[in-house]
Amino acid sequence: AYTMAAHVWCEPMFQLGASQFAIANHPAPAIVAPVRPELTVEETEQEIRIHSLNGELTFSKVNGTVSKWKASGRDVMASGPQVGFWHPLVDNHAQEYDSLWKDNFIDVMQTSTRKVSWKQDGNAVVVTVSQRIAPPVRAFGMRVELVYTVLPSGRVDLKVSGEPYGDYSDIIPRIGISFEVPGCDRAVEWYGHGPGENYPDSLRANPVGHYRTTVDDMFTPYVMPQDCANREGTRWVALRSSHGDGLVVTRPSDAASNPFSFSAWPYSCEAIDNAKHVYDLVPGETVTVNINDQLLGLGSNSWGSEVLDSYRTRFESFSFEVSLRPLTSADLAQALAPIKEA
């Protein structure tokens, strides 16, 4: 809906409102995956190295993370995926922090890797990582399993699941994974809610579309640094360098009915949490990427009401999947839809 005439508060054709409904799925970028020779695996006391024709993926048997991922001669990741339940504290959640999270050490939960194993599954290699994530001096936590399916095409499907133990089942900030990509991968393109920052309970002003921006422009410079840059309803997101290579994240299937949210920062979570003012933040050498399967709504508890129950994330059983694919400069060359600049 638009105004037909000028008013003291707007020009003609000023948008008053909009609505959306789905008529078709918008697929993830079509990436041609040529047939590759079989993967080869080299295992040492501390590592599992998976070699393909154009790259290498290395897992640490000590901490269960991806310690190296190279494709076409470049680093795909600077540090591998880690399951997380925390994000930088937002002003609206200060009361939850004081009453729940601080005494239960939700912000300093520690990961203990219990087992790392691998097996051949047809042409794929499956790496399974078992971990326990828990706060210090508390008798509760989450038993987590990460199952990486590495395909000859270079794609990695990751299934993450968790089972809680102990007596804590209250709200937490998020359930998701975080990893780092090289600092040159600062171009961000996604299909989901945008162009601006949005959360589960504050996304109606950001329609679903195909957008692109940069990591630096996504960051919201709040006076008190806190969690920011989230985009809901994401079907796929790509982070690329100026040359066009990088990484794309999507669901393995059914992305339209099972979207995720993401954020990307030029800083680490710890740096944002520790900063008292924007000028305290110094960009790092890598980009932090957060993929959230569940995210606590913002609410308005800094001045009003708590997060509605329908937008709460709890410390309960969970399971989700994502696909990670290296990109080359040619992979996203085709136009998928009209691009809106964020």
Protein backbone atom coordinates (compact mmCIF):
# COMPACT_ATOMS: atom_id res chain seq x y z
CA ALA A 1 0.00 0.00 0.00
CA TYR A 2 1.32 3.44 -1.00
CA THR A 3 0.18 7.01 -0.55
CA MET A 4 -1.14 8.59 -3.73
CA ALA A 5 -0.32 12.18 -2.79
CA ALA A 6 2.30 14.10 -0.85
CA HIS A 7 1.78 14.88 2.82
CA VAL A 8 3.75 16.90 5.33
CA TRP A 9 5.27 13.61 6.53
CA CYS A 10 5.99 11.91 3.20
CA GLU A 11 6.40 12.18 -0.57
CA PRO A 12 3.97 10.60 -3.08
CA MET A 13 4.17 6.79 -3.39
CA PHE A 14 5.50 6.37 0.15
CA GLN A 15 5.05 2.76 1.25
CA LEU A 16 2.57 2.38 4.09
CA GLY A 17 2.67 -1.38 4.40
CA ALA A 18 3.28 -4.69 2.64
CA SER A 19 2.43 -8.38 2.91
CA GLN A 20 3.97 -11.58 1.56
CA PHE A 21 2.90 -15.11 0.72
CA ALA A 22 4.93 -17.94 -0.76
CA ILE A 23 4.25 -19.05 -4.33
CA ALA A 24 7.40 -21.11 -4.94
CA ASN A 25 10.60 -22.16 -3.27
CA HIS A 26 13.76 -20.18 -3.98
CA PRO A 27 16.48 -22.84 -4.24
CA ALA A 28 19.99 -22.58 -2.92
CA PRO A 29 22.71 -21.67 -5.42
CA ALA A 30 23.10 -24.38 -8.04
CA ILE A 31 26.65 -25.64 -7.76
CA VAL A 32 27.88 -28.02 -10.43
CA ALA A 33 29.73 -30.83 -8.69
CA PRO A 34 31.87 -32.84 -11.11
CA VAL A 35 32.47 -36.49 -10.42
CA ARG A 36 35.44 -36.87 -8.10
CA PRO A 37 37.66 -39.83 -7.33
CA GLU A 38 37.06 -41.59 -4.06
CA LEU A 39 38.10 -39.88 -0.87
CA THR A 40 41.19 -41.13 0.90
CA VAL A 41 41.63 -41.10 4.67
CA GLU A 42 44.83 -40.79 6.64
CA GLU A 43 44.62 -41.30 10.40
CA THR A 44 47.30 -40.39 12.94
CA GLU A 45 47.28 -40.36 16.72
CA GLN A 46 45.91 -36.80 16.76
CA GLU A 47 44.18 -36.24 13.40
CA ILE A 48 41.88 -37.65 10.75
CA ARG A 49 42.79 -36.26 7.33
CA ILE A 50 40.35 -36.68 4.45
CA HIS A 51 41.84 -35.99 1.03
CA SER A 52 39.95 -35.28 -2.19
CA LEU A 53 41.06 -34.25 -5.65
CA ASN A 54 40.89 -30.52 -4.87
CA GLY A 55 41.16 -30.27 -1.11
CA GLU A 56 41.72 -31.59 2.37
CA LEU A 57 39.57 -31.72 5.49
CA THR A 58 41.30 -32.40 8.80
CA PHE A 59 39.66 -33.24 12.12
CA SER A 60 41.42 -33.02 15.47
CA LYS A 61 40.98 -36.20 17.52
CA VAL A 62 41.84 -34.17 20.62
CA ASN A 63 39.00 -31.64 20.57
CA GLY A 64 36.82 -32.96 17.73
CA THR A 65 36.88 -29.78 15.66
CA VAL A 66 37.71 -29.16 12.02
CA SER A 67 41.31 -27.96 12.30
CA LYS A 68 41.85 -27.45 8.55
CA TRP A 69 39.61 -27.25 5.50
CA LYS A 70 41.17 -26.38 2.19
CA ALA A 71 39.53 -26.44 -1.24
CA SER A 72 40.96 -25.26 -4.56
CA GLY A 73 44.06 -24.01 -2.77
CA ARG A 74 42.34 -21.73 -0.23
CA ASP A 75 41.11 -22.01 3.34
CA VAL A 76 37.36 -22.62 3.55
CA MET A 77 37.29 -22.14 7.33
CA ALA A 78 39.64 -20.53 9.82
CA SER A 79 38.19 -22.60 12.70
CA GLY A 80 35.60 -25.35 12.65
CA PRO A 81 32.00 -25.56 13.88
CA GLN A 82 31.36 -25.57 17.61
CA VAL A 83 27.99 -26.11 19.26
CA GLY A 84 26.93 -23.13 21.35
CA PHE A 85 24.09 -21.99 23.61
CA TRP A 86 25.33 -18.46 24.28
CA HIS A 87 25.59 -15.22 22.33
CA PRO A 88 26.67 -11.74 23.48
CA LEU A 89 24.24 -10.52 26.12
CA VAL A 90 21.58 -8.11 24.91
CA ASP A 91 20.10 -5.37 27.10
CA ASN A 92 16.63 -6.97 27.01
CA HIS A 93 17.98 -10.15 28.59
CA ALA A 94 19.78 -8.56 31.55
CA GLN A 95 17.14 -9.82 33.97
CA GLU A 96 17.41 -13.37 32.63
CA TYR A 97 21.16 -13.16 33.04
CA ASP A 98 20.91 -11.96 36.64
CA SER A 99 18.23 -14.47 37.66
CA LEU A 100 19.17 -17.55 35.60
CA TRP A 101 22.28 -17.50 33.47
CA LYS A 102 24.89 -15.91 35.73
CA ASP A 103 24.57 -18.34 38.66
CA ASN A 104 24.33 -21.31 36.28
CA PHE A 105 27.38 -20.15 34.26
CA ILE A 106 25.52 -20.41 30.94
CA ASP A 107 27.92 -17.87 29.43
CA VAL A 108 31.04 -19.92 30.26
CA MET A 109 29.96 -23.47 29.45
CA GLN A 110 32.90 -25.72 28.56
CA THR A 111 33.19 -28.42 25.90
CA SER A 112 34.75 -31.79 26.64
CA THR A 113 35.33 -34.12 23.67
CA ARG A 114 34.76 -37.76 24.61
CA LYS A 115 35.17 -39.64 21.32
CA VAL A 116 36.09 -39.03 17.66
CA SER A 117 35.63 -41.85 15.14
CA TRP A 118 35.21 -42.32 11.40
CA LYS A 119 33.92 -44.85 8.89
CA GLN A 120 33.53 -45.27 5.15
CA ASP A 121 29.93 -45.06 3.88
CA GLY A 122 29.91 -45.76 0.15
CA ASN A 123 31.76 -42.89 -1.51
CA ALA A 124 31.41 -40.74 1.62
CA VAL A 125 33.40 -40.57 4.83
CA VAL A 126 31.45 -40.14 8.07
CA VAL A 127 33.16 -38.58 11.10
CA THR A 128 31.32 -38.73 14.43
CA VAL A 129 32.24 -36.50 17.36
CA SER A 130 30.78 -37.05 20.84
CA GLN A 131 31.06 -34.17 23.30
CA ARG A 132 29.73 -32.98 26.62
CA ILE A 133 29.00 -29.27 27.08
CA ALA A 134 28.47 -28.15 30.66
CA PRO A 135 29.07 -25.25 33.05
CA PRO A 136 31.72 -25.52 35.77
CA VAL A 137 30.61 -26.69 39.25
CA ARG A 138 27.03 -27.45 38.13
CA ALA A 139 25.47 -30.91 37.78
CA PHE A 140 23.81 -30.39 34.41
CA GLY A 141 24.86 -30.17 30.80
CA MET A 142 24.27 -31.40 27.27
CA ARG A 143 25.53 -34.58 25.62
CA VAL A 144 26.17 -33.56 22.04
CA GLU A 145 26.90 -35.54 18.88
CA LEU A 146 28.15 -34.03 15.61
CA VAL A 147 28.03 -36.28 12.54
CA TYR A 148 29.98 -34.98 9.52
CA THR A 149 29.27 -36.68 6.18
CA VAL A 150 32.06 -35.72 3.78
CA LEU A 151 31.18 -36.20 0.10
CA PRO A 152 33.59 -36.49 -2.87
CA SER A 153 32.00 -33.35 -4.38
CA GLY A 154 33.41 -31.30 -1.49
CA ARG A 155 30.11 -30.86 0.33
CA VAL A 156 29.95 -31.59 4.05
CA ASP A 157 26.60 -32.43 5.64
CA LEU A 158 26.57 -31.86 9.40
CA LYS A 159 23.94 -33.29 11.74
CA VAL A 160 24.00 -31.95 15.31
CA SER A 161 21.96 -33.43 18.17
CA GLY A 162 21.90 -32.99 21.91
CA GLU A 163 20.42 -34.65 24.99
CA PRO A 164 20.39 -32.73 28.28
CA TYR A 165 21.15 -34.20 31.68
CA GLY A 166 20.66 -32.71 35.13
CA ASP A 167 17.97 -30.40 36.43
CA TYR A 168 18.26 -27.29 34.21
CA SER A 169 15.65 -26.95 31.45
CA ASP A 170 14.98 -23.21 31.49
CA ILE A 171 15.56 -20.66 28.74
CA ILE A 172 18.91 -20.11 27.01
CA PRO A 173 19.96 -17.57 24.36
CA ARG A 174 20.36 -19.98 21.42
CA ILE A 175 21.00 -23.45 20.03
CA GLY A 176 23.34 -23.45 17.08
CA ILE A 177 26.88 -23.66 15.78
CA SER A 178 29.59 -21.06 15.33
CA PHE A 179 32.70 -21.12 13.17
CA GLU A 180 35.19 -18.70 11.63
CA VAL A 181 35.95 -18.02 7.97
CA PRO A 182 38.96 -16.12 6.58
CA GLY A 183 38.86 -12.38 7.11
CA CYS A 184 38.70 -11.75 3.37
CA ASP A 185 35.27 -13.45 3.15
CA ARG A 186 33.30 -10.29 3.94
CA ALA A 187 30.67 -10.29 1.17
CA VAL A 188 27.41 -11.77 2.51
CA GLU A 189 24.53 -12.94 0.35
CA TRP A 190 21.43 -14.73 1.59
CA TYR A 191 17.83 -15.65 0.90
CA GLY A 192 15.68 -14.95 3.94
CA HIS A 193 14.34 -12.05 5.98
CA GLY A 194 16.07 -8.72 5.35
CA PRO A 195 17.55 -6.37 4.59
CA GLY A 196 17.85 -5.25 8.23
CA GLU A 197 18.56 -7.00 11.51
CA ASN A 198 15.66 -9.15 12.74
CA TYR A 199 14.84 -11.75 15.41
CA PRO A 200 12.08 -14.36 15.88
CA ASP A 201 9.74 -11.83 17.49
CA SER A 202 10.76 -8.79 15.41
CA LEU A 203 10.92 -9.72 11.75
CA ARG A 204 7.68 -8.54 10.13
CA ALA A 205 9.28 -5.31 8.88
CA ASN A 206 11.90 -7.33 6.99
CA PRO A 207 10.36 -9.25 4.08
CA VAL A 208 11.77 -12.48 2.71
CA GLY A 209 14.02 -11.79 -0.25
CA HIS A 210 17.43 -12.22 -1.85
CA TYR A 211 19.87 -9.75 -0.31
CA ARG A 212 23.55 -8.96 -0.19
CA THR A 213 25.71 -6.75 2.00
CA THR A 214 29.04 -6.95 3.84
CA VAL A 215 29.99 -8.30 7.26
CA ASP A 216 30.94 -4.81 8.41
CA ASP A 217 27.67 -3.24 7.26
CA MET A 218 25.64 -5.99 8.97
CA PHE A 219 27.04 -5.11 12.38
CA THR A 220 24.77 -2.83 14.43
CA PRO A 221 26.85 -0.31 16.43
CA TYR A 222 24.85 -0.29 19.65
CA VAL A 223 26.23 2.07 22.30
CA MET A 224 26.70 -0.99 24.50
CA PRO A 225 28.01 -3.76 22.19
CA GLN A 226 25.72 -6.79 22.21
CA ASP A 227 24.34 -9.53 19.99
CA CYS A 228 23.33 -8.18 16.59
CA ALA A 229 23.18 -8.78 12.82
CA ASN A 230 20.79 -11.74 13.02
CA ARG A 231 18.68 -12.63 9.96
CA GLU A 232 15.74 -15.00 10.36
CA GLY A 233 14.05 -17.32 7.87
CA THR A 234 17.29 -18.06 6.02
CA ARG A 235 17.19 -20.72 3.30
CA TRP A 236 20.86 -20.24 2.36
CA VAL A 237 23.71 -17.87 3.11
CA ALA A 238 27.02 -17.41 1.30
CA LEU A 239 30.16 -15.65 2.53
CA ARG A 240 32.66 -14.80 -0.17
CA SER A 241 35.85 -12.91 -0.84
CA SER A 242 36.20 -10.21 -3.47
CA HIS A 243 37.23 -12.99 -5.89
CA GLY A 244 33.91 -14.78 -5.40
CA ASP A 245 35.17 -17.85 -3.57
CA GLY A 246 34.06 -18.80 -0.08
CA LEU A 247 31.42 -20.94 1.62
CA VAL A 248 27.66 -21.47 1.35
CA VAL A 249 25.46 -22.84 4.15
CA THR A 250 22.02 -24.36 3.60
CA ARG A 251 19.84 -27.18 4.87
CA PRO A 252 20.47 -30.60 3.27
CA SER A 253 16.82 -30.62 2.17
CA ASP A 254 13.46 -28.89 2.70
CA ALA A 255 15.10 -25.52 3.36
CA ALA A 256 11.93 -23.54 2.62
CA SER A 257 9.89 -25.15 5.41
CA ASN A 258 12.83 -25.46 7.80
CA PRO A 259 14.85 -22.24 7.63
CA PHE A 260 17.54 -21.17 10.08
CA SER A 261 18.91 -17.83 11.23
CA PHE A 262 22.44 -16.54 10.89
CA SER A 263 24.69 -13.67 11.87
CA ALA A 264 28.22 -12.70 10.88
CA TRP A 265 30.54 -10.41 12.86
CA PRO A 266 34.01 -8.95 12.30
CA TYR A 267 34.62 -9.73 16.00
CA SER A 268 34.48 -12.75 18.29
CA CYS A 269 31.64 -13.39 20.71
CA GLU A 270 34.02 -12.84 23.63
CA ALA A 271 35.20 -9.50 22.24
CA ILE A 272 31.63 -8.23 21.91
CA ASP A 273 30.67 -9.46 25.37
CA ASN A 274 33.71 -7.85 26.99
CA ALA A 275 33.41 -4.48 25.24
CA LYS A 276 31.74 -1.63 27.12
CA HIS A 277 31.66 0.77 24.16
CA VAL A 278 31.77 0.43 20.37
CA TYR A 279 35.26 1.93 20.24
CA ASP A 280 36.51 -0.96 22.41
CA LEU A 281 35.96 -3.33 19.49
CA VAL A 282 38.88 -4.06 17.18
CA PRO A 283 38.15 -6.17 14.06
CA GLY A 284 39.82 -9.57 14.14
CA GLU A 285 41.67 -11.39 11.40
CA THR A 286 38.71 -13.72 10.83
CA VAL A 287 34.91 -13.46 10.51
CA THR A 288 32.67 -15.15 13.09
CA VAL A 289 29.65 -16.90 11.60
CA ASN A 290 26.72 -18.11 13.72
CA ILE A 291 24.13 -20.55 12.37
CA ASN A 292 21.17 -20.77 14.75
CA ASP A 293 18.60 -23.54 14.69
CA GLN A 294 16.78 -21.90 17.63
CA LEU A 295 17.13 -18.36 18.94
CA LEU A 296 15.56 -16.68 21.95
CA GLY A 297 13.34 -13.76 21.00
CA LEU A 298 14.29 -10.26 22.05
CA GLY A 299 11.23 -9.35 24.11
CA SER A 300 11.31 -5.92 25.71
CA ASN A 301 12.44 -6.65 29.25
CA SER A 302 14.83 -3.70 29.42
CA TRP A 303 11.72 -1.58 29.88
CA GLY A 304 8.63 -3.76 29.44
CA SER A 305 7.79 -7.46 29.17
CA GLU A 306 9.65 -10.74 28.96
CA VAL A 307 9.98 -12.81 25.79
CA LEU A 308 6.67 -14.45 24.90
CA ASP A 309 6.63 -18.19 25.56
CA SER A 310 6.25 -18.99 21.84
CA TYR A 311 9.63 -17.30 21.18
CA ARG A 312 11.59 -18.96 23.97
CA THR A 313 14.49 -21.36 23.48
CA ARG A 314 15.01 -23.90 26.23
CA PHE A 315 17.82 -26.20 27.33
CA GLU A 316 16.12 -29.28 25.92
CA SER A 317 16.74 -32.06 23.39
CA PHE A 318 17.46 -30.84 19.89
CA SER A 319 18.51 -32.04 16.45
CA PHE A 320 19.25 -30.13 13.26
CA GLU A 321 21.22 -30.42 10.03
CA VAL A 322 23.12 -28.05 7.75
CA SER A 323 25.14 -28.46 4.56
CA LEU A 324 28.47 -26.68 4.07
CA ARG A 325 29.86 -26.25 0.55
CA PRO A 326 33.00 -24.51 -0.67
CA LEU A 327 32.41 -21.90 -3.38
CA THR A 328 34.49 -20.90 -6.35
CA SER A 329 34.20 -17.61 -8.20
CA ALA A 330 31.92 -19.20 -10.81
CA ASP A 331 29.45 -20.87 -8.47
CA LEU A 332 27.21 -17.85 -7.83
CA ALA A 333 27.70 -16.11 -11.16
CA GLN A 334 24.13 -16.81 -12.33
CA ALA A 335 21.34 -14.48 -11.25
CA LEU A 336 18.97 -16.33 -8.94
CA ALA A 337 16.59 -13.42 -8.40
CA PRO A 338 16.64 -9.64 -8.33
CA ILE A 339 19.18 -8.67 -5.69
CA LYS A 340 18.31 -6.03 -3.12
CA GLU A 341 21.18 -4.09 -1.62
CA ALA A 342 21.06 -4.15 2.18
